[in-house]
N, C-alpha and C. Protein backbone atom coordinates (compact mmCIF):
# COMPACT_ATOMS: atom_id res chain seq x y z
N MET A 1 -21.68 15.20 19.51
CA MET A 1 -20.97 14.30 19.90
C MET A 1 -19.64 14.93 19.40
N PRO A 2 -18.74 14.53 20.29
CA PRO A 2 -17.82 14.61 20.36
C PRO A 2 -16.65 13.89 19.06
N GLU A 3 -15.68 14.87 18.27
CA GLU A 3 -15.09 14.35 16.93
C GLU A 3 -14.14 13.31 17.53
N SER A 4 -13.93 12.00 16.99
CA SER A 4 -13.37 10.67 17.19
C SER A 4 -12.19 11.03 16.61
N GLN A 5 -11.07 10.76 17.29
CA GLN A 5 -9.57 10.57 16.70
C GLN A 5 -9.48 9.39 15.75
N GLY A 6 -9.98 8.73 15.34
CA GLY A 6 -9.56 8.39 14.77
C GLY A 6 -9.77 5.90 15.68
N ASN A 7 -10.39 5.11 14.63
CA ASN A 7 -10.07 3.60 15.12
C ASN A 7 -8.86 2.94 14.30
N LEU A 8 -7.50 3.06 14.62
CA LEU A 8 -6.27 3.09 14.36
C LEU A 8 -6.14 1.70 14.55
N THR A 9 -7.04 0.60 15.24
CA THR A 9 -6.40 -1.13 15.36
C THR A 9 -7.14 -2.02 14.69
N GLY A 10 -8.52 -1.57 13.41
CA GLY A 10 -9.26 -2.45 12.67
C GLY A 10 -10.35 -3.03 13.55
N SER A 11 -10.62 -3.37 12.60
CA SER A 11 -11.35 -5.19 13.44
C SER A 11 -12.11 -5.30 12.49
N ASP A 12 -12.51 -6.87 12.46
CA ASP A 12 -13.63 -7.66 11.83
C ASP A 12 -14.75 -7.39 12.30
N GLU A 13 -15.42 -6.65 13.31
CA GLU A 13 -16.43 -7.12 13.83
C GLU A 13 -17.24 -5.83 12.58
N PRO A 14 -18.17 -6.05 12.29
CA PRO A 14 -19.38 -5.37 11.32
C PRO A 14 -19.36 -4.01 12.16
N SER A 15 -19.51 -4.43 13.47
CA SER A 15 -19.84 -2.34 13.98
C SER A 15 -19.12 -1.64 14.18
N LYS A 16 -17.36 -2.29 13.47
CA LYS A 16 -16.43 -1.31 13.66
C LYS A 16 -15.55 -0.87 12.32
N VAL A 17 -14.96 0.08 12.37
CA VAL A 17 -14.90 1.14 10.59
C VAL A 17 -13.43 1.58 11.45
N PRO A 18 -12.10 0.89 11.14
CA PRO A 18 -10.87 1.45 11.08
C PRO A 18 -11.21 3.16 9.62
N PHE A 19 -10.27 3.69 10.74
CA PHE A 19 -10.24 6.01 10.09
C PHE A 19 -9.34 5.93 10.84
N GLY A 20 -9.75 6.83 10.31
CA GLY A 20 -8.37 7.88 10.01
C GLY A 20 -7.53 8.83 9.47
N LYS A 21 -6.06 9.54 9.94
CA LYS A 21 -5.68 10.21 9.19
C LYS A 21 -4.78 9.12 9.04
N TRP A 22 -4.31 8.73 7.22
CA TRP A 22 -4.02 8.42 6.20
C TRP A 22 -2.51 7.49 7.66
N ASP A 23 -1.19 8.30 7.85
CA ASP A 23 -0.19 8.56 8.16
C ASP A 23 -0.34 8.19 9.85
N SER A 24 -1.75 8.00 10.85
CA SER A 24 -1.99 7.75 11.83
C SER A 24 -2.14 6.97 12.35
N PHE A 25 -2.01 5.47 11.73
CA PHE A 25 -1.71 4.07 11.98
C PHE A 25 -0.62 3.57 12.64
N SER A 26 -0.29 2.74 12.47
CA SER A 26 1.21 1.62 13.63
C SER A 26 1.95 1.74 12.61
N TRP A 27 2.96 2.44 12.65
CA TRP A 27 4.22 2.09 11.40
C TRP A 27 4.94 1.08 11.80
N GLU A 28 5.37 0.28 11.49
CA GLU A 28 6.54 -0.55 11.01
C GLU A 28 7.70 -0.70 10.22
N PRO A 29 8.65 -0.69 10.04
CA PRO A 29 9.54 -0.87 9.09
C PRO A 29 9.66 -1.92 8.57
N PHE A 30 9.67 -1.36 6.64
CA PHE A 30 9.38 -2.47 5.54
C PHE A 30 10.83 -1.82 5.26
N PRO A 31 12.08 -3.05 5.16
CA PRO A 31 12.98 -2.83 5.33
C PRO A 31 13.48 -2.43 3.49
N GLU A 32 12.69 -4.40 2.92
CA GLU A 32 12.90 -4.15 1.56
C GLU A 32 12.93 -2.89 0.60
N TRP A 33 11.47 -2.49 1.22
CA TRP A 33 11.47 -0.49 -0.05
C TRP A 33 12.11 -0.18 1.58
N GLU A 34 13.30 0.51 2.10
CA GLU A 34 14.16 1.65 2.32
C GLU A 34 12.96 2.41 2.96
N GLY A 35 11.84 1.81 3.65
CA GLY A 35 10.77 2.86 4.41
C GLY A 35 10.00 1.65 4.99
N THR A 36 8.32 2.21 5.31
CA THR A 36 8.19 1.47 6.68
C THR A 36 6.78 1.26 6.05
N LYS A 37 5.61 0.72 6.66
CA LYS A 37 4.46 0.16 6.74
C LYS A 37 3.49 0.20 7.38
N ALA A 38 1.43 0.40 7.75
CA ALA A 38 1.15 0.26 8.09
C ALA A 38 -0.20 -0.47 7.80
N ILE A 39 -0.07 -1.73 8.19
CA ILE A 39 -1.75 -2.68 7.93
C ILE A 39 -3.09 -0.90 7.80
N ILE A 40 -4.06 -1.33 7.96
CA ILE A 40 -4.69 -0.61 7.83
C ILE A 40 -5.92 -1.06 8.59
N SER A 41 -6.35 -2.48 7.64
CA SER A 41 -7.21 -3.64 8.46
C SER A 41 -6.70 -4.77 7.60
N ARG A 42 -7.10 -6.06 7.97
CA ARG A 42 -6.96 -7.06 7.46
C ARG A 42 -7.86 -8.25 7.48
N SER A 43 -8.69 -8.58 6.29
CA SER A 43 -9.80 -9.15 6.41
C SER A 43 -9.66 -11.20 7.10
N PRO A 44 -10.73 -11.06 7.87
CA PRO A 44 -10.23 -12.24 8.60
C PRO A 44 -9.25 -13.76 7.58
N ASP A 45 -9.99 -14.06 6.49
CA ASP A 45 -8.98 -14.77 6.06
C ASP A 45 -7.59 -14.51 5.49
N GLY A 46 -7.85 -12.89 5.24
CA GLY A 46 -6.10 -12.51 5.08
C GLY A 46 -5.85 -12.29 3.24
N LYS A 47 -7.21 -12.42 3.21
CA LYS A 47 -6.97 -12.43 1.78
C LYS A 47 -7.41 -10.73 0.44
N ARG A 48 -7.48 -10.48 2.08
CA ARG A 48 -7.64 -8.13 1.88
C ARG A 48 -6.60 -7.89 2.71
N VAL A 49 -6.37 -6.41 2.32
CA VAL A 49 -5.91 -6.24 2.95
C VAL A 49 -4.95 -4.88 2.56
N ALA A 50 -5.73 -3.59 3.15
CA ALA A 50 -5.67 -2.37 3.03
C ALA A 50 -4.20 -1.74 4.52
N ALA A 51 -3.80 -1.14 3.15
CA ALA A 51 -2.48 -1.10 4.33
C ALA A 51 -1.42 0.48 3.68
N ALA A 52 -0.44 1.02 3.71
CA ALA A 52 0.37 2.47 3.83
C ALA A 52 1.46 1.80 4.06
N PHE A 53 2.00 2.94 2.97
CA PHE A 53 3.68 2.73 3.02
C PHE A 53 4.59 3.86 2.60
N ARG A 54 5.46 3.81 3.34
CA ARG A 54 6.12 5.05 2.91
C ARG A 54 7.83 3.97 2.37
N GLU A 55 7.99 4.90 0.75
CA GLU A 55 9.23 3.83 0.71
C GLU A 55 10.54 4.50 0.10
N SER A 56 11.45 4.37 -0.09
CA SER A 56 12.15 5.31 -0.20
C SER A 56 13.90 5.01 -1.68
N ALA A 57 13.20 3.12 -2.01
CA ALA A 57 14.13 2.64 -2.60
C ALA A 57 13.86 2.41 -3.89
N THR A 58 14.76 1.28 -4.34
CA THR A 58 14.51 1.34 -6.75
C THR A 58 15.03 0.13 -6.54
N GLY A 59 14.25 -0.64 -7.18
CA GLY A 59 14.16 -2.49 -7.59
C GLY A 59 12.87 -2.53 -8.65
N THR A 60 13.41 -4.33 -8.01
CA THR A 60 12.68 -4.60 -9.32
C THR A 60 11.41 -6.39 -9.12
N PHE A 61 10.73 -6.06 -9.04
CA PHE A 61 9.42 -7.18 -7.94
C PHE A 61 8.65 -7.61 -9.22
N ALA A 62 7.89 -8.86 -8.79
CA ALA A 62 6.97 -9.24 -10.06
C ALA A 62 5.78 -8.92 -7.88
N TYR A 63 4.38 -8.57 -8.43
CA TYR A 63 3.64 -7.94 -7.73
C TYR A 63 2.89 -10.08 -7.38
N PRO A 64 2.91 -10.35 -5.82
CA PRO A 64 2.71 -11.73 -5.65
C PRO A 64 1.04 -11.64 -5.16
N CYS A 65 0.39 -10.56 -5.68
CA CYS A 65 -1.24 -10.26 -5.57
C CYS A 65 -1.33 -8.81 -6.14
N ASP A 66 -3.10 -9.01 -6.40
CA ASP A 66 -3.37 -7.34 -7.26
C ASP A 66 -3.42 -6.45 -5.97
N GLU A 67 -3.52 -5.39 -6.26
CA GLU A 67 -2.43 -4.10 -5.76
C GLU A 67 -3.58 -2.94 -6.40
N PHE A 68 -4.52 -1.87 -5.73
CA PHE A 68 -4.54 -1.03 -5.57
C PHE A 68 -3.76 -0.09 -5.23
N THR A 69 -3.21 1.21 -5.94
CA THR A 69 -2.53 1.87 -5.21
C THR A 69 -3.08 3.60 -5.00
N TYR A 70 -3.14 3.58 -4.50
CA TYR A 70 -2.96 5.71 -4.82
C TYR A 70 -2.26 6.46 -3.62
N VAL A 71 -1.14 7.64 -4.10
CA VAL A 71 0.09 8.19 -3.81
C VAL A 71 -0.76 9.63 -3.19
N THR A 72 0.02 9.41 -2.13
CA THR A 72 -0.23 10.27 -1.09
C THR A 72 0.58 11.58 -0.70
N ALA A 73 1.70 11.10 -1.83
CA ALA A 73 3.29 12.30 -1.39
C ALA A 73 3.83 11.44 -2.02
N GLY A 74 4.89 12.09 -2.39
CA GLY A 74 6.04 12.08 -3.75
C GLY A 74 5.97 11.52 -4.79
N SER A 75 6.62 10.33 -5.90
CA SER A 75 6.05 9.88 -6.88
C SER A 75 6.68 9.12 -6.85
N ILE A 76 6.39 7.66 -8.29
CA ILE A 76 7.60 6.67 -8.30
C ILE A 76 6.81 6.24 -9.83
N LYS A 77 8.31 5.90 -10.04
CA LYS A 77 8.59 5.77 -11.63
C LYS A 77 8.88 4.35 -11.90
N ILE A 78 7.55 3.68 -12.64
CA ILE A 78 7.66 2.35 -12.61
C ILE A 78 8.10 1.36 -14.55
N HIS A 79 8.54 1.06 -14.08
CA HIS A 79 8.20 0.21 -16.03
C HIS A 79 8.50 -0.88 -15.93
N VAL A 80 7.17 -1.78 -16.52
CA VAL A 80 6.41 -2.95 -16.29
C VAL A 80 7.73 -3.32 -17.08
N HIS A 81 7.71 -4.43 -17.03
CA HIS A 81 8.31 -5.87 -18.18
C HIS A 81 7.76 -5.91 -19.22
N GLY A 82 8.24 -5.30 -20.07
CA GLY A 82 7.24 -5.24 -21.26
C GLY A 82 5.46 -4.81 -21.76
N GLY A 83 5.93 -3.97 -21.54
CA GLY A 83 4.55 -2.83 -21.12
C GLY A 83 5.09 -1.81 -20.81
N GLU A 84 4.70 -0.65 -20.46
CA GLU A 84 4.41 0.90 -20.38
C GLU A 84 5.24 1.50 -19.24
N ARG A 85 6.54 2.56 -19.34
CA ARG A 85 6.68 3.33 -18.64
C ARG A 85 6.21 4.37 -17.71
N PHE A 86 6.03 5.00 -16.91
CA PHE A 86 5.16 6.23 -16.21
C PHE A 86 5.81 6.61 -14.84
N THR A 87 5.08 7.65 -14.56
CA THR A 87 5.35 8.05 -13.22
C THR A 87 3.77 8.58 -12.81
N LEU A 88 3.79 8.03 -11.17
CA LEU A 88 2.68 8.09 -10.54
C LEU A 88 3.32 9.62 -9.69
N LYS A 89 2.60 10.09 -9.55
CA LYS A 89 2.43 11.79 -8.41
C LYS A 89 1.51 11.31 -7.48
N THR A 90 1.68 12.69 -6.61
CA THR A 90 1.43 12.52 -5.79
C THR A 90 -0.63 12.74 -6.40
N GLY A 91 -1.60 11.69 -5.38
CA GLY A 91 -3.03 11.68 -6.68
C GLY A 91 -3.18 10.84 -7.36
N ASP A 92 -2.24 11.08 -7.56
CA ASP A 92 -2.21 9.40 -9.14
C ASP A 92 -2.78 7.92 -8.05
N CYS A 93 -3.11 6.91 -8.74
CA CYS A 93 -3.54 5.86 -9.05
C CYS A 93 -2.89 4.46 -9.26
N ALA A 94 -3.21 3.59 -9.56
CA ALA A 94 -3.17 2.43 -10.68
C ALA A 94 -3.19 1.19 -9.83
N TYR A 95 -3.38 0.44 -11.42
CA TYR A 95 -4.02 -1.00 -10.26
C TYR A 95 -2.82 -2.39 -11.77
N PHE A 96 -1.98 -2.82 -10.07
CA PHE A 96 -0.56 -3.46 -11.00
C PHE A 96 -1.66 -5.02 -10.64
N THR A 97 -1.31 -6.00 -11.88
CA THR A 97 -2.27 -6.91 -11.47
C THR A 97 -1.06 -8.20 -10.74
N LYS A 98 -1.37 -8.92 -9.53
CA LYS A 98 -0.68 -10.48 -9.76
C LYS A 98 -0.04 -11.09 -10.71
N GLY A 99 1.21 -11.08 -10.37
CA GLY A 99 2.37 -11.53 -11.36
C GLY A 99 3.10 -10.33 -12.31
N GLN A 100 2.31 -9.75 -12.44
CA GLN A 100 3.51 -8.10 -13.47
C GLN A 100 4.66 -7.61 -12.29
N THR A 101 5.49 -7.84 -14.20
CA THR A 101 7.02 -6.99 -13.43
C THR A 101 6.94 -6.20 -13.19
N VAL A 102 7.72 -5.08 -12.23
CA VAL A 102 8.01 -4.25 -12.56
C VAL A 102 9.64 -3.00 -11.89
N ASP A 103 9.87 -2.99 -12.66
CA ASP A 103 10.84 -1.61 -12.22
C ASP A 103 10.48 -0.47 -11.43
N ALA A 104 10.81 0.03 -10.58
CA ALA A 104 10.32 0.46 -9.34
C ALA A 104 11.50 1.47 -8.73
N GLU A 105 10.90 2.78 -9.08
CA GLU A 105 12.28 4.13 -8.43
C GLU A 105 10.87 4.43 -8.04
N CYS A 106 11.09 5.18 -6.53
CA CYS A 106 10.63 5.88 -4.90
C CYS A 106 10.96 6.14 -4.99
N SER A 107 10.59 7.86 -5.55
CA SER A 107 11.11 9.59 -4.80
C SER A 107 11.74 8.70 -3.66
N GLU A 108 12.26 9.93 -2.73
CA GLU A 108 12.96 10.01 -1.32
C GLU A 108 11.46 10.43 -0.07
N ASP A 109 10.65 10.61 -0.62
CA ASP A 109 9.54 11.74 0.24
C ASP A 109 7.79 10.47 -0.47
N PHE A 110 8.07 9.27 -1.13
CA PHE A 110 7.25 8.60 -1.63
C PHE A 110 6.53 8.45 -0.78
N ALA A 111 4.84 7.20 -0.95
CA ALA A 111 3.74 7.70 0.20
C ALA A 111 2.93 6.39 -0.08
N SER A 112 2.50 6.37 -0.16
CA SER A 112 0.99 5.14 -0.43
C SER A 112 -0.01 4.73 0.21
N VAL A 113 -1.13 4.17 -0.33
CA VAL A 113 -2.08 3.85 0.40
C VAL A 113 -2.39 2.73 -0.42
N SER A 114 -2.72 1.62 -0.26
CA SER A 114 -3.07 0.37 -1.02
C SER A 114 -3.66 -0.59 -0.22
N MET A 115 -4.77 -1.57 -1.82
CA MET A 115 -5.69 -2.47 -1.43
C MET A 115 -5.90 -3.60 -1.73
N LEU A 116 -4.26 -4.17 -1.29
CA LEU A 116 -4.11 -5.69 -1.75
C LEU A 116 -5.14 -6.45 -1.66
N SER A 117 -5.20 -7.56 -2.94
CA SER A 117 -6.23 -8.88 -2.78
C SER A 117 -5.88 -9.96 -3.28
N ASP A 118 -5.68 -10.69 -3.10
CA ASP A 118 -5.25 -12.22 -3.75
C ASP A 118 -6.80 -13.51 -3.15
N THR A 119 -6.41 -14.48 -4.11
CA THR A 119 -6.72 -15.85 -3.29
C THR A 119 -6.77 -17.01 -2.56
N GLU A 120 -5.75 -16.48 -2.28
CA GLU A 120 -4.75 -17.07 -0.54
C GLU A 120 -4.35 -15.55 -0.06
N PRO A 121 -3.63 -16.22 1.23
CA PRO A 121 -3.89 -14.94 2.94
C PRO A 121 -2.83 -14.46 1.59
N ILE A 122 -2.78 -12.82 2.56
CA ILE A 122 -1.32 -12.37 1.62
C ILE A 122 -0.14 -12.07 3.02
N THR A 123 0.89 -12.46 2.70
CA THR A 123 2.12 -11.90 3.59
C THR A 123 3.05 -11.16 3.64
N ILE A 124 2.75 -10.55 2.20
CA ILE A 124 3.76 -9.28 1.78
C ILE A 124 3.75 -8.04 3.29
N VAL A 125 2.44 -7.90 3.74
CA VAL A 125 2.37 -6.92 4.70
C VAL A 125 1.84 -7.70 6.46
């Protein structure tokens, strides 16, 4: 069987699986965080999204949905309002819950893959 280059389009068909190198999906501008984003997969109801991000901004925001993130490059400094301060580096992961407000400072080479979920369709990506 020849080696596949990956299914980079995603699909909600049970027999199809989006796969490939994390940075091989279709990237589009993500100006809010001075970077780019790529949708790897979106559930038919829009309540679950797998995405990849390249970001380099600093800012404060409230999570509009739950997000599990895995850092694939660089680092991000996080200060959870009313909570912890920590830095995620390449290979680290974290789970943020809807409504948490954080200050975030991305390194110039920060990149991550994330799984976002909510009870309503996700519109940020």
